[in-house]
Amino acid sequence: MARPAPPGGSAASASPASEEVAPASVTLAQLLQLLQQGQELPGLEKRHITAVQGEPTASRLPRRPKPWEAAAPAEPPAPPQ
């Protein structure tokens, strides 16, 4: 069954890098070998993630109290009789 053409163009005009390819079947041993050699893994999209050099934003959520900081009971327990 054919996939619908992506919006804004026909399937014939898509570049080979953007075409959807069926995921390759790779064994665990082959995957380990690819990782050890520093090669790209089949079927994974490479992301270009960079750090932002701006000021960090302040937290908007209140800090959760630690278990030992939780409010103590209103009345101390009664001594055993």
Protein backbone atom coordinates (compact mmCIF):
# COMPACT_ATOMS: atom_id res chain seq x y z
CA MET A 1 0.00 0.00 0.00
CA ALA A 2 1.41 3.40 -0.98
CA ARG A 3 1.88 6.13 1.59
CA PRO A 4 0.24 9.52 0.92
CA ALA A 5 2.47 12.27 -0.39
CA PRO A 6 3.85 14.65 2.25
CA PRO A 7 2.15 18.05 2.46
CA GLY A 8 3.65 20.71 0.23
CA GLY A 9 5.03 18.40 -2.43
CA SER A 10 4.83 15.11 -4.19
CA ALA A 11 6.57 11.92 -3.16
CA ALA A 12 8.69 12.04 -6.34
CA SER A 13 10.21 15.41 -5.38
CA ALA A 14 11.30 14.28 -1.90
CA SER A 15 15.04 13.93 -1.35
CA PRO A 16 16.40 10.44 -0.67
CA ALA A 17 17.38 11.43 2.89
CA SER A 18 13.82 12.39 3.79
CA GLU A 19 12.17 9.29 2.33
CA GLU A 20 10.82 6.88 4.89
CA VAL A 21 12.73 3.61 4.72
CA ALA A 22 11.67 0.38 6.38
CA PRO A 23 13.74 -0.14 9.52
CA ALA A 24 16.67 -2.47 9.03
CA SER A 25 16.82 -5.67 10.99
CA VAL A 26 20.02 -5.56 13.05
CA THR A 27 21.16 -8.16 15.54
CA LEU A 28 22.43 -7.16 18.96
CA ALA A 29 25.96 -8.20 17.96
CA GLN A 30 25.81 -6.02 14.83
CA LEU A 31 24.42 -3.13 16.87
CA LEU A 32 27.27 -3.44 19.39
CA GLN A 33 29.81 -3.54 16.57
CA LEU A 34 28.36 -0.39 14.99
CA LEU A 35 28.48 1.41 18.34
CA GLN A 36 32.06 0.37 19.02
CA GLN A 37 33.14 1.58 15.57
CA GLY A 38 31.36 4.92 16.03
CA GLN A 39 29.08 4.38 13.04
CA GLU A 40 25.50 5.61 12.80
CA LEU A 41 22.75 3.19 13.74
CA PRO A 42 20.23 2.26 11.03
CA GLY A 43 16.75 3.69 11.48
CA LEU A 44 17.72 6.46 13.91
CA GLU A 45 17.30 10.13 13.14
CA LYS A 46 20.36 12.23 13.95
CA ARG A 47 19.48 15.21 16.13
CA HIS A 48 21.53 18.41 16.31
CA ILE A 49 21.06 19.44 19.93
CA THR A 50 23.06 22.36 21.24
CA ALA A 51 23.27 24.00 24.64
CA VAL A 52 21.64 27.38 25.11
CA GLN A 53 24.09 29.92 26.47
CA GLY A 54 21.41 32.16 28.02
CA GLU A 55 20.42 32.60 31.63
CA PRO A 56 18.65 29.65 33.25
CA THR A 57 14.99 30.15 34.03
CA ALA A 58 13.73 30.16 37.60
CA SER A 59 11.63 27.24 38.76
CA ARG A 60 7.90 27.92 38.76
CA LEU A 61 6.99 25.00 41.01
CA PRO A 62 7.34 25.11 44.80
CA ARG A 63 10.00 22.84 46.28
CA ARG A 64 8.61 19.57 47.62
CA PRO A 65 9.43 18.99 51.29
CA LYS A 66 11.69 16.10 52.16
CA PRO A 67 10.09 13.29 54.20
CA TRP A 68 11.87 14.44 57.37
CA GLU A 69 10.75 18.04 56.74
CA ALA A 70 7.07 17.05 56.63
CA ALA A 71 4.87 18.67 59.24
CA ALA A 72 4.90 16.87 62.57
CA PRO A 73 1.58 15.60 63.99
CA ALA A 74 -0.38 18.26 65.93
CA GLU A 75 -0.26 16.33 69.21
CA PRO A 76 2.56 14.12 70.41
CA PRO A 77 1.58 10.48 70.90
CA ALA A 78 0.30 9.63 74.38
CA PRO A 79 2.66 7.60 76.56
CA PRO A 80 1.70 3.94 76.99
CA GLN A 81 -0.20 3.17 80.20
